[in-house]
Amino acid sequence: MTKADLIDEVSRLAELTRKDSEVIVETIFESVVRSLRAGDKIEIRGFGSFRTRQRKPRMGRNPKTGEKVEVPAKKIPFFKPSKELKDLVNEGIVAAAVPPAPSATPTA
């Protein structure tokens, strides 16, 4: 799903204009980015949490030339899904993995 698909879905489900839906989706994304930049944690119950993790500086290699390159420390965004989201995503997989119970019809 792309951002445009998400905007269309919000527009359809909430019965809003596409422009209003676009403002809503953009506002949510901007709020998430602003909070992560400030170092805050975002928790959406039933969905998951967003936070940043700090990566230490390290020595890397340029794969083309093989020369060593210093990679600076940086923050990276990290998403941790909630148990509810994991269960919803795996709902169909679990049902397909369990074999059907044998039927109790007599074969005489």
PDB file of N, CA and C in Angstrom:
ATOM      1  N   MET A   1       0.853  -1.175   0.000  1.00  0.00           N
ATOM      2  CA  MET A   1       0.000   0.000   0.000  1.00  0.00           C
ATOM      3  C   MET A   1       0.897   1.235   0.000  1.00  0.00           C
ATOM      4  N   THR A   2       0.578   2.165  -0.866  1.00  0.00           N
ATOM      5  CA  THR A   2       1.320   3.418  -0.951  1.00  0.00           C
ATOM      6  C   THR A   2       0.592   4.497  -0.151  1.00  0.00           C
ATOM      7  N   LYS A   3       1.246   5.649  -0.018  1.00  0.00           N
ATOM      8  CA  LYS A   3       0.606   6.762   0.679  1.00  0.00           C
ATOM      9  C   LYS A   3      -0.669   7.188  -0.053  1.00  0.00           C
ATOM     10  N   ALA A   4      -0.632   7.182  -1.381  1.00  0.00           N
ATOM     11  CA  ALA A   4      -1.815   7.543  -2.164  1.00  0.00           C
ATOM     12  C   ALA A   4      -2.957   6.555  -1.916  1.00  0.00           C
ATOM     13  N   ASP A   5      -2.626   5.265  -1.818  1.00  0.00           N
ATOM     14  CA  ASP A   5      -3.645   4.251  -1.509  1.00  0.00           C
ATOM     15  C   ASP A   5      -4.247   4.494  -0.130  1.00  0.00           C
ATOM     16  N   LEU A   6      -3.398   4.845   0.828  1.00  0.00           N
ATOM     17  CA  LEU A   6      -3.869   5.122   2.186  1.00  0.00           C
ATOM     18  C   LEU A   6      -4.802   6.338   2.194  1.00  0.00           C
ATOM     19  N   ILE A   7      -4.442   7.369   1.468  1.00  0.00           N
ATOM     20  CA  ILE A   7      -5.289   8.571   1.371  1.00  0.00           C
ATOM     21  C   ILE A   7      -6.642   8.211   0.757  1.00  0.00           C
ATOM     22  N   ASP A   8      -6.625   7.411  -0.299  1.00  0.00           N
ATOM     23  CA  ASP A   8      -7.879   6.980  -0.930  1.00  0.00           C
ATOM     24  C   ASP A   8      -8.740   6.166   0.035  1.00  0.00           C
ATOM     25  N   GLU A   9      -8.109   5.299   0.809  1.00  0.00           N
ATOM     26  CA  GLU A   9      -8.838   4.465   1.775  1.00  0.00           C
ATOM     27  C   GLU A   9      -9.473   5.320   2.869  1.00  0.00           C
ATOM     28  N   VAL A  10      -8.728   6.297   3.393  1.00  0.00           N
ATOM     29  CA  VAL A  10      -9.277   7.201   4.412  1.00  0.00           C
ATOM     30  C   VAL A  10     -10.434   7.995   3.823  1.00  0.00           C
ATOM     31  N   SER A  11     -10.257   8.464   2.618  1.00  0.00           N
ATOM     32  CA  SER A  11     -11.303   9.234   1.950  1.00  0.00           C
ATOM     33  C   SER A  11     -12.575   8.414   1.781  1.00  0.00           C
ATOM     34  N   ARG A  12     -12.431   7.161   1.379  1.00  0.00           N
ATOM     35  CA  ARG A  12     -13.578   6.291   1.153  1.00  0.00           C
ATOM     36  C   ARG A  12     -14.270   5.917   2.464  1.00  0.00           C
ATOM     37  N   LEU A  13     -13.489   5.501   3.468  1.00  0.00           N
ATOM     38  CA  LEU A  13     -14.076   5.034   4.724  1.00  0.00           C
ATOM     39  C   LEU A  13     -14.682   6.166   5.559  1.00  0.00           C
ATOM     40  N   ALA A  14     -14.038   7.319   5.563  1.00  0.00           N
ATOM     41  CA  ALA A  14     -14.518   8.438   6.373  1.00  0.00           C
ATOM     42  C   ALA A  14     -15.466   9.347   5.594  1.00  0.00           C
ATOM     43  N   GLU A  15     -15.672   9.027   4.328  1.00  0.00           N
ATOM     44  CA  GLU A  15     -16.531   9.829   3.457  1.00  0.00           C
ATOM     45  C   GLU A  15     -16.111  11.303   3.458  1.00  0.00           C
ATOM     46  N   LEU A  16     -14.819  11.504   3.246  1.00  0.00           N
ATOM     47  CA  LEU A  16     -14.237  12.841   3.164  1.00  0.00           C
ATOM     48  C   LEU A  16     -13.736  13.076   1.749  1.00  0.00           C
ATOM     49  N   THR A  17     -13.438  14.321   1.448  1.00  0.00           N
ATOM     50  CA  THR A  17     -12.834  14.601   0.151  1.00  0.00           C
ATOM     51  C   THR A  17     -11.395  14.092   0.166  1.00  0.00           C
ATOM     52  N   ARG A  18     -10.854  13.878  -1.014  1.00  0.00           N
ATOM     53  CA  ARG A  18      -9.477  13.387  -1.102  1.00  0.00           C
ATOM     54  C   ARG A  18      -8.507  14.406  -0.485  1.00  0.00           C
ATOM     55  N   LYS A  19      -8.796  15.694  -0.678  1.00  0.00           N
ATOM     56  CA  LYS A  19      -7.940  16.748  -0.140  1.00  0.00           C
ATOM     57  C   LYS A  19      -7.933  16.709   1.396  1.00  0.00           C
ATOM     58  N   ASP A  20      -9.115  16.552   2.010  1.00  0.00           N
ATOM     59  CA  ASP A  20      -9.193  16.467   3.476  1.00  0.00           C
ATOM     60  C   ASP A  20      -8.459  15.230   3.994  1.00  0.00           C
ATOM     61  N   SER A  21      -8.622  14.117   3.292  1.00  0.00           N
ATOM     62  CA  SER A  21      -7.942  12.884   3.684  1.00  0.00           C
ATOM     63  C   SER A  21      -6.433  13.031   3.569  1.00  0.00           C
ATOM     64  N   GLU A  22      -5.987  13.731   2.529  1.00  0.00           N
ATOM     65  CA  GLU A  22      -4.554  13.956   2.344  1.00  0.00           C
ATOM     66  C   GLU A  22      -3.991  14.791   3.498  1.00  0.00           C
ATOM     67  N   VAL A  23      -4.730  15.798   3.935  1.00  0.00           N
ATOM     68  CA  VAL A  23      -4.294  16.636   5.062  1.00  0.00           C
ATOM     69  C   VAL A  23      -4.185  15.789   6.325  1.00  0.00           C
ATOM     70  N   ILE A  24      -5.148  14.908   6.558  1.00  0.00           N
ATOM     71  CA  ILE A  24      -5.136  14.047   7.753  1.00  0.00           C
ATOM     72  C   ILE A  24      -3.919  13.124   7.739  1.00  0.00           C
ATOM     73  N   VAL A  25      -3.695  12.431   6.629  1.00  0.00           N
ATOM     74  CA  VAL A  25      -2.573  11.486   6.530  1.00  0.00           C
ATOM     75  C   VAL A  25      -1.240  12.219   6.661  1.00  0.00           C
ATOM     76  N   GLU A  26      -1.089  13.342   5.968  1.00  0.00           N
ATOM     77  CA  GLU A  26       0.150  14.126   6.045  1.00  0.00           C
ATOM     78  C   GLU A  26       0.399  14.622   7.475  1.00  0.00           C
ATOM     79  N   THR A  27      -0.651  15.057   8.156  1.00  0.00           N
ATOM     80  CA  THR A  27      -0.518  15.550   9.528  1.00  0.00           C
ATOM     81  C   THR A  27      -0.037  14.443  10.459  1.00  0.00           C
ATOM     82  N   ILE A  28      -0.587  13.248  10.294  1.00  0.00           N
ATOM     83  CA  ILE A  28      -0.159  12.118  11.127  1.00  0.00           C
ATOM     84  C   ILE A  28       1.317  11.816  10.894  1.00  0.00           C
ATOM     85  N   PHE A  29       1.717  11.717   9.622  1.00  0.00           N
ATOM     86  CA  PHE A  29       3.113  11.409   9.317  1.00  0.00           C
ATOM     87  C   PHE A  29       4.051  12.499   9.830  1.00  0.00           C
ATOM     88  N   GLU A  30       3.680  13.760   9.653  1.00  0.00           N
ATOM     89  CA  GLU A  30       4.514  14.857  10.128  1.00  0.00           C
ATOM     90  C   GLU A  30       4.642  14.840  11.648  1.00  0.00           C
ATOM     91  N   SER A  31       3.561  14.501  12.336  1.00  0.00           N
ATOM     92  CA  SER A  31       3.597  14.421  13.798  1.00  0.00           C
ATOM     93  C   SER A  31       4.532  13.318  14.268  1.00  0.00           C
ATOM     94  N   VAL A  32       4.502  12.180  13.587  1.00  0.00           N
ATOM     95  CA  VAL A  32       5.389  11.063  13.942  1.00  0.00           C
ATOM     96  C   VAL A  32       6.841  11.483  13.744  1.00  0.00           C
ATOM     97  N   VAL A  33       7.142  12.087  12.604  1.00  0.00           N
ATOM     98  CA  VAL A  33       8.518  12.511  12.315  1.00  0.00           C
ATOM     99  C   VAL A  33       8.985  13.562  13.322  1.00  0.00           C
ATOM    100  N   ARG A  34       8.125  14.530  13.623  1.00  0.00           N
ATOM    101  CA  ARG A  34       8.480  15.585  14.575  1.00  0.00           C
ATOM    102  C   ARG A  34       8.782  14.992  15.955  1.00  0.00           C
ATOM    103  N   SER A  35       7.969  14.046  16.395  1.00  0.00           N
ATOM    104  CA  SER A  35       8.183  13.425  17.700  1.00  0.00           C
ATOM    105  C   SER A  35       9.477  12.613  17.730  1.00  0.00           C
ATOM    106  N   LEU A  36       9.747  11.874  16.659  1.00  0.00           N
ATOM    107  CA  LEU A  36      10.983  11.085  16.611  1.00  0.00           C
ATOM    108  C   LEU A  36      12.212  11.991  16.585  1.00  0.00           C
ATOM    109  N   ARG A  37      12.137  13.101  15.865  1.00  0.00           N
ATOM    110  CA  ARG A  37      13.254  14.058  15.857  1.00  0.00           C
ATOM    111  C   ARG A  37      13.525  14.611  17.245  1.00  0.00           C
ATOM    112  N   ALA A  38      12.453  14.811  18.018  1.00  0.00           N
ATOM    113  CA  ALA A  38      12.594  15.345  19.376  1.00  0.00           C
ATOM    114  C   ALA A  38      13.053  14.277  20.362  1.00  0.00           C
ATOM    115  N   GLY A  39      13.136  13.023  19.895  1.00  0.00           N
ATOM    116  CA  GLY A  39      13.583  11.948  20.770  1.00  0.00           C
ATOM    117  C   GLY A  39      12.456  11.299  21.551  1.00  0.00           C
ATOM    118  N   ASP A  40      11.212  11.632  21.211  1.00  0.00           N
ATOM    119  CA  ASP A  40      10.067  11.048  21.916  1.00  0.00           C
ATOM    120  C   ASP A  40       9.742   9.670  21.364  1.00  0.00           C
ATOM    121  N   LYS A  41       9.041   8.897  22.183  1.00  0.00           N
ATOM    122  CA  LYS A  41       8.540   7.583  21.784  1.00  0.00           C
ATOM    123  C   LYS A  41       7.065   7.749  21.448  1.00  0.00           C
ATOM    124  N   ILE A  42       6.624   7.112  20.380  1.00  0.00           N
ATOM    125  CA  ILE A  42       5.217   7.167  19.987  1.00  0.00           C
ATOM    126  C   ILE A  42       4.633   5.784  20.179  1.00  0.00           C
ATOM    127  N   GLU A  43       3.568   5.687  20.942  1.00  0.00           N
ATOM    128  CA  GLU A  43       2.933   4.396  21.192  1.00  0.00           C
ATOM    129  C   GLU A  43       1.480   4.463  20.743  1.00  0.00           C
ATOM    130  N   ILE A  44       1.116   3.589  19.813  1.00  0.00           N
ATOM    131  CA  ILE A  44      -0.256   3.498  19.335  1.00  0.00           C
ATOM    132  C   ILE A  44      -0.766   2.134  19.774  1.00  0.00           C
ATOM    133  N   ARG A  45      -1.604   2.125  20.790  1.00  0.00           N
ATOM    134  CA  ARG A  45      -2.088   0.863  21.363  1.00  0.00           C
ATOM    135  C   ARG A  45      -2.791   0.022  20.309  1.00  0.00           C
ATOM    136  N   GLY A  46      -2.473  -1.267  20.309  1.00  0.00           N
ATOM    137  CA  GLY A  46      -3.047  -2.186  19.344  1.00  0.00           C
ATOM    138  C   GLY A  46      -2.329  -2.180  18.007  1.00  0.00           C
ATOM    139  N   PHE A  47      -1.371  -1.270  17.819  1.00  0.00           N
ATOM    140  CA  PHE A  47      -0.627  -1.188  16.559  1.00  0.00           C
ATOM    141  C   PHE A  47       0.865  -1.404  16.783  1.00  0.00           C
ATOM    142  N   GLY A  48       1.472  -0.567  17.634  1.00  0.00           N
ATOM    143  CA  GLY A  48       2.893  -0.704  17.908  1.00  0.00           C
ATOM    144  C   GLY A  48       3.490   0.601  18.397  1.00  0.00           C
ATOM    145  N   SER A  49       4.814   0.621  18.502  1.00  0.00           N
ATOM    146  CA  SER A  49       5.480   1.824  18.978  1.00  0.00           C
ATOM    147  C   SER A  49       6.647   2.175  18.063  1.00  0.00           C
ATOM    148  N   PHE A  50       6.877   3.468  17.942  1.00  0.00           N
ATOM    149  CA  PHE A  50       7.985   4.011  17.171  1.00  0.00           C
ATOM    150  C   PHE A  50       8.942   4.665  18.153  1.00  0.00           C
ATOM    151  N   ARG A  51      10.220   4.508  17.917  1.00  0.00           N
ATOM    152  CA  ARG A  51      11.246   5.177  18.715  1.00  0.00           C
ATOM    153  C   ARG A  51      12.512   5.270  17.876  1.00  0.00           C
ATOM    154  N   THR A  52      13.500   5.953  18.388  1.00  0.00           N
ATOM    155  CA  THR A  52      14.774   6.012  17.678  1.00  0.00           C
ATOM    156  C   THR A  52      15.803   5.210  18.463  1.00  0.00           C
ATOM    157  N   ARG A  53      16.735   4.672  17.736  1.00  0.00           N
ATOM    158  CA  ARG A  53      17.859   3.969  18.349  1.00  0.00           C
ATOM    159  C   ARG A  53      19.126   4.657  17.893  1.00  0.00           C
ATOM    160  N   GLN A  54      20.093   4.714  18.790  1.00  0.00           N
ATOM    161  CA  GLN A  54      21.360   5.374  18.496  1.00  0.00           C
ATOM    162  C   GLN A  54      22.357   4.341  17.990  1.00  0.00           C
ATOM    163  N   ARG A  55      22.929   4.599  16.832  1.00  0.00           N
ATOM    164  CA  ARG A  55      23.987   3.734  16.308  1.00  0.00           C
ATOM    165  C   ARG A  55      25.325   4.391  16.597  1.00  0.00           C
ATOM    166  N   LYS A  56      26.277   3.586  17.038  1.00  0.00           N
ATOM    167  CA  LYS A  56      27.607   4.091  17.357  1.00  0.00           C
ATOM    168  C   LYS A  56      28.407   4.320  16.072  1.00  0.00           C
ATOM    169  N   PRO A  57      29.413   5.207  16.151  1.00  0.00           N
ATOM    170  CA  PRO A  57      30.278   5.377  14.978  1.00  0.00           C
ATOM    171  C   PRO A  57      31.082   4.098  14.753  1.00  0.00           C
ATOM    172  N   ARG A  58      31.421   3.833  13.506  1.00  0.00           N
ATOM    173  CA  ARG A  58      32.166   2.608  13.210  1.00  0.00           C
ATOM    174  C   ARG A  58      32.973   2.802  11.936  1.00  0.00           C
ATOM    175  N   MET A  59      33.871   1.863  11.712  1.00  0.00           N
ATOM    176  CA  MET A  59      34.649   1.868  10.479  1.00  0.00           C
ATOM    177  C   MET A  59      33.966   0.919   9.495  1.00  0.00           C
ATOM    178  N   GLY A  60      33.659   1.425   8.318  1.00  0.00           N
ATOM    179  CA  GLY A  60      33.055   0.614   7.270  1.00  0.00           C
ATOM    180  C   GLY A  60      34.002   0.513   6.091  1.00  0.00           C
ATOM    181  N   ARG A  61      33.528  -0.157   5.047  1.00  0.00           N
ATOM    182  CA  ARG A  61      34.345  -0.286   3.848  1.00  0.00           C
ATOM    183  C   ARG A  61      33.521   0.111   2.642  1.00  0.00           C
ATOM    184  N   ASN A  62      34.162   0.802   1.722  1.00  0.00           N
ATOM    185  CA  ASN A  62      33.530   1.107   0.449  1.00  0.00           C
ATOM    186  C   ASN A  62      33.558  -0.190  -0.370  1.00  0.00           C
ATOM    187  N   PRO A  63      32.398  -0.754  -0.699  1.00  0.00           N
ATOM    188  CA  PRO A  63      32.403  -2.047  -1.386  1.00  0.00           C
ATOM    189  C   PRO A  63      33.021  -1.994  -2.786  1.00  0.00           C
ATOM    190  N   LYS A  64      33.024  -0.822  -3.395  1.00  0.00           N
ATOM    191  CA  LYS A  64      33.573  -0.701  -4.746  1.00  0.00           C
ATOM    192  C   LYS A  64      35.100  -0.660  -4.741  1.00  0.00           C
ATOM    193  N   THR A  65      35.661   0.147  -3.812  1.00  0.00           N
ATOM    194  CA  THR A  65      37.119   0.320  -3.800  1.00  0.00           C
ATOM    195  C   THR A  65      37.805  -0.476  -2.702  1.00  0.00           C
ATOM    196  N   GLY A  66      37.056  -0.858  -1.682  1.00  0.00           N
ATOM    197  CA  GLY A  66      37.644  -1.607  -0.576  1.00  0.00           C
ATOM    198  C   GLY A  66      38.300  -0.722   0.476  1.00  0.00           C
ATOM    199  N   GLU A  67      38.346   0.597   0.252  1.00  0.00           N
ATOM    200  CA  GLU A  67      38.997   1.472   1.229  1.00  0.00           C
ATOM    201  C   GLU A  67      38.111   1.661   2.460  1.00  0.00           C
ATOM    202  N   LYS A  68      38.772   1.901   3.610  1.00  0.00           N
ATOM    203  CA  LYS A  68      38.046   2.089   4.860  1.00  0.00           C
ATOM    204  C   LYS A  68      37.401   3.463   4.895  1.00  0.00           C
ATOM    205  N   VAL A  69      36.180   3.499   5.431  1.00  0.00           N
ATOM    206  CA  VAL A  69      35.421   4.737   5.517  1.00  0.00           C
ATOM    207  C   VAL A  69      34.861   4.841   6.935  1.00  0.00           C
ATOM    208  N   GLU A  70      34.958   6.039   7.505  1.00  0.00           N
ATOM    209  CA  GLU A  70      34.406   6.242   8.837  1.00  0.00           C
ATOM    210  C   GLU A  70      32.913   6.547   8.719  1.00  0.00           C
ATOM    211  N   VAL A  71      32.097   5.740   9.400  1.00  0.00           N
ATOM    212  CA  VAL A  71      30.648   5.937   9.397  1.00  0.00           C
ATOM    213  C   VAL A  71      30.298   6.626  10.717  1.00  0.00           C
ATOM    214  N   PRO A  72      29.719   7.827  10.670  1.00  0.00           N
ATOM    215  CA  PRO A  72      29.444   8.562  11.906  1.00  0.00           C
ATOM    216  C   PRO A  72      28.273   7.959  12.696  1.00  0.00           C
ATOM    217  N   ALA A  73      28.171   8.358  13.957  1.00  0.00           N
ATOM    218  CA  ALA A  73      27.045   7.949  14.793  1.00  0.00           C
ATOM    219  C   ALA A  73      25.773   8.572  14.228  1.00  0.00           C
ATOM    220  N   LYS A  74      24.664   7.868  14.379  1.00  0.00           N
ATOM    221  CA  LYS A  74      23.404   8.416  13.876  1.00  0.00           C
ATOM    222  C   LYS A  74      22.224   7.763  14.582  1.00  0.00           C
ATOM    223  N   LYS A  75      21.087   8.437  14.501  1.00  0.00           N
ATOM    224  CA  LYS A  75      19.839   7.892  15.027  1.00  0.00           C
ATOM    225  C   LYS A  75      19.102   7.208  13.892  1.00  0.00           C
ATOM    226  N   ILE A  76      18.471   6.063  14.193  1.00  0.00           N
ATOM    227  CA  ILE A  76      17.645   5.393  13.187  1.00  0.00           C
ATOM    228  C   ILE A  76      16.258   5.168  13.768  1.00  0.00           C
ATOM    229  N   PRO A  77      15.219   5.314  12.948  1.00  0.00           N
ATOM    230  CA  PRO A  77      13.869   5.034  13.441  1.00  0.00           C
ATOM    231  C   PRO A  77      13.676   3.528  13.583  1.00  0.00           C
ATOM    232  N   PHE A  78      12.921   3.133  14.593  1.00  0.00           N
ATOM    233  CA  PHE A  78      12.679   1.719  14.868  1.00  0.00           C
ATOM    234  C   PHE A  78      11.206   1.530  15.208  1.00  0.00           C
ATOM    235  N   PHE A  79      10.578   0.522  14.613  1.00  0.00           N
ATOM    236  CA  PHE A  79       9.172   0.213  14.878  1.00  0.00           C
ATOM    237  C   PHE A  79       9.073  -1.151  15.523  1.00  0.00           C
ATOM    238  N   LYS A  80       8.312  -1.231  16.608  1.00  0.00           N
ATOM    239  CA  LYS A  80       8.072  -2.506  17.277  1.00  0.00           C
ATOM    240  C   LYS A  80       6.565  -2.760  17.252  1.00  0.00           C
ATOM    241  N   PRO A  81       6.132  -3.793  16.518  1.00  0.00           N
ATOM    242  CA  PRO A  81       4.694  -4.065  16.445  1.00  0.00           C
ATOM    243  C   PRO A  81       4.154  -4.582  17.770  1.00  0.00           C
ATOM    244  N   SER A  82       2.866  -4.300  18.031  1.00  0.00           N
ATOM    245  CA  SER A  82       2.233  -4.792  19.253  1.00  0.00           C
ATOM    246  C   SER A  82       1.872  -6.260  19.077  1.00  0.00           C
ATOM    247  N   LYS A  83       1.582  -6.920  20.179  1.00  0.00           N
ATOM    248  CA  LYS A  83       1.170  -8.316  20.144  1.00  0.00           C
ATOM    249  C   LYS A  83      -0.120  -8.448  19.340  1.00  0.00           C
ATOM    250  N   GLU A  84      -1.041  -7.496  19.514  1.00  0.00           N
ATOM    251  CA  GLU A  84      -2.306  -7.548  18.781  1.00  0.00           C
ATOM    252  C   GLU A  84      -2.079  -7.501  17.272  1.00  0.00           C
ATOM    253  N   LEU A  85      -1.164  -6.638  16.816  1.00  0.00           N
ATOM    254  CA  LEU A  85      -0.871  -6.533  15.387  1.00  0.00           C
ATOM    255  C   LEU A  85      -0.244  -7.826  14.881  1.00  0.00           C
ATOM    256  N   LYS A  86       0.701  -8.371  15.638  1.00  0.00           N
ATOM    257  CA  LYS A  86       1.330  -9.633  15.242  1.00  0.00           C
ATOM    258  C   LYS A  86       0.283 -10.733  15.112  1.00  0.00           C
ATOM    259  N   ASP A  87      -0.626 -10.810  16.089  1.00  0.00           N
ATOM    260  CA  ASP A  87      -1.674 -11.833  16.056  1.00  0.00           C
ATOM    261  C   ASP A  87      -2.594 -11.651  14.856  1.00  0.00           C
ATOM    262  N   LEU A  88      -2.971 -10.412  14.553  1.00  0.00           N
ATOM    263  CA  LEU A  88      -3.851 -10.146  13.408  1.00  0.00           C
ATOM    264  C   LEU A  88      -3.181 -10.513  12.088  1.00  0.00           C
ATOM    265  N   VAL A  89      -1.887 -10.211  11.972  1.00  0.00           N
ATOM    266  CA  VAL A  89      -1.161 -10.517  10.742  1.00  0.00           C
ATOM    267  C   VAL A  89      -1.020 -12.025  10.561  1.00  0.00           C
ATOM    268  N   ASN A  90      -0.809 -12.737  11.647  1.00  0.00           N
ATOM    269  CA  ASN A  90      -0.596 -14.181  11.576  1.00  0.00           C
ATOM    270  C   ASN A  90      -1.873 -14.998  11.713  1.00  0.00           C
ATOM    271  N   GLU A  91      -3.017 -14.361  11.813  1.00  0.00           N
ATOM    272  CA  GLU A  91      -4.290 -15.050  12.012  1.00  0.00           C
ATOM    273  C   GLU A  91      -4.563 -16.095  10.934  1.00  0.00           C
ATOM    274  N   GLY A  92      -4.433 -15.746   9.683  1.00  0.00           N
ATOM    275  CA  GLY A  92      -4.685 -16.684   8.587  1.00  0.00           C
ATOM    276  C   GLY A  92      -3.625 -17.757   8.479  1.00  0.00           C
ATOM    277  N   ILE A  93      -2.394 -17.440   8.846  1.00  0.00           N
ATOM    278  CA  ILE A  93      -1.286 -18.384   8.749  1.00  0.00           C
ATOM    279  C   ILE A  93      -1.460 -19.509   9.755  1.00  0.00           C
ATOM    280  N   VAL A  94      -1.871 -19.172  10.968  1.00  0.00           N
ATOM    281  CA  VAL A  94      -2.050 -20.174  12.016  1.00  0.00           C
ATOM    282  C   VAL A  94      -3.183 -21.123  11.628  1.00  0.00           C
ATOM    283  N   ALA A  95      -4.273 -20.576  11.095  1.00  0.00           N
ATOM    284  CA  ALA A  95      -5.414 -21.409  10.707  1.00  0.00           C
ATOM    285  C   ALA A  95      -5.032 -22.366   9.586  1.00  0.00           C
ATOM    286  N   ALA A  96      -4.190 -21.924   8.661  1.00  0.00           N
ATOM    287  CA  ALA A  96      -3.777 -22.780   7.554  1.00  0.00           C
ATOM    288  C   ALA A  96      -2.779 -23.835   8.000  1.00  0.00           C
ATOM    289  N   ALA A  97      -2.012 -23.562   9.048  1.00  0.00           N
ATOM    290  CA  ALA A  97      -0.996 -24.499   9.515  1.00  0.00           C
ATOM    291  C   ALA A  97      -1.595 -25.644  10.325  1.00  0.00           C
ATOM    292  N   VAL A  98      -2.764 -25.442  10.904  1.00  0.00           N
ATOM    293  CA  VAL A  98      -3.399 -26.490  11.707  1.00  0.00           C
ATOM    294  C   VAL A  98      -4.191 -27.393  10.772  1.00  0.00           C
ATOM    295  N   PRO A  99      -3.875 -28.701  10.750  1.00  0.00           N
ATOM    296  CA  PRO A  99      -4.610 -29.592   9.850  1.00  0.00           C
ATOM    297  C   PRO A  99      -6.054 -29.756  10.310  1.00  0.00           C
ATOM    298  N   PRO A 100      -6.983 -29.955   9.368  1.00  0.00           N
ATOM    299  CA  PRO A 100      -8.375 -30.117   9.758  1.00  0.00           C
ATOM    300  C   PRO A 100      -8.570 -31.393  10.559  1.00  0.00           C
ATOM    301  N   ALA A 101      -9.529 -31.369  11.468  1.00  0.00           N
ATOM    302  CA  ALA A 101      -9.823 -32.528  12.302  1.00  0.00           C
ATOM    303  C   ALA A 101     -10.408 -33.629  11.423  1.00  0.00           C
ATOM    304  N   PRO A 102     -10.073 -34.900  11.712  1.00  0.00           N
ATOM    305  CA  PRO A 102     -10.636 -35.982  10.902  1.00  0.00           C
ATOM    306  C   PRO A 102     -12.149 -36.065  11.101  1.00  0.00           C
ATOM    307  N   SER A 103     -12.840 -36.394  10.026  1.00  0.00           N
ATOM    308  CA  SER A 103     -14.293 -36.473  10.125  1.00  0.00           C
ATOM    309  C   SER A 103     -14.702 -37.743  10.867  1.00  0.00           C
ATOM    310  N   ALA A 104     -15.836 -37.693  11.540  1.00  0.00           N
ATOM    311  CA  ALA A 104     -16.287 -38.812  12.350  1.00  0.00           C
ATOM    312  C   ALA A 104     -17.319 -39.661  11.624  1.00  0.00           C
ATOM    313  N   THR A 105     -17.305 -39.599  10.292  1.00  0.00           N
ATOM    314  CA  THR A 105     -18.271 -40.410   9.538  1.00  0.00           C
ATOM    315  C   THR A 105     -17.757 -41.839   9.408  1.00  0.00           C
ATOM    316  N   PRO A 106     -18.637 -42.836   9.647  1.00  0.00           N
ATOM    317  CA  PRO A 106     -18.196 -44.247   9.513  1.00  0.00           C
ATOM    318  C   PRO A 106     -17.985 -44.611   8.050  1.00  0.00           C
ATOM    319  N   THR A 107     -16.987 -45.435   7.805  1.00  0.00           N
ATOM    320  CA  THR A 107     -16.675 -45.852   6.424  1.00  0.00           C
ATOM    321  C   THR A 107     -17.022 -47.319   6.212  1.00  0.00           C
ATOM    322  N   ALA A 108     -18.187 -47.749   6.593  1.00  0.00           N
ATOM    323  CA  ALA A 108     -18.550 -49.164   6.467  1.00  0.00           C
ATOM    324  C   ALA A 108     -19.370 -49.446   5.262  1.00  0.00           C
TER     325      ALA A 108
END
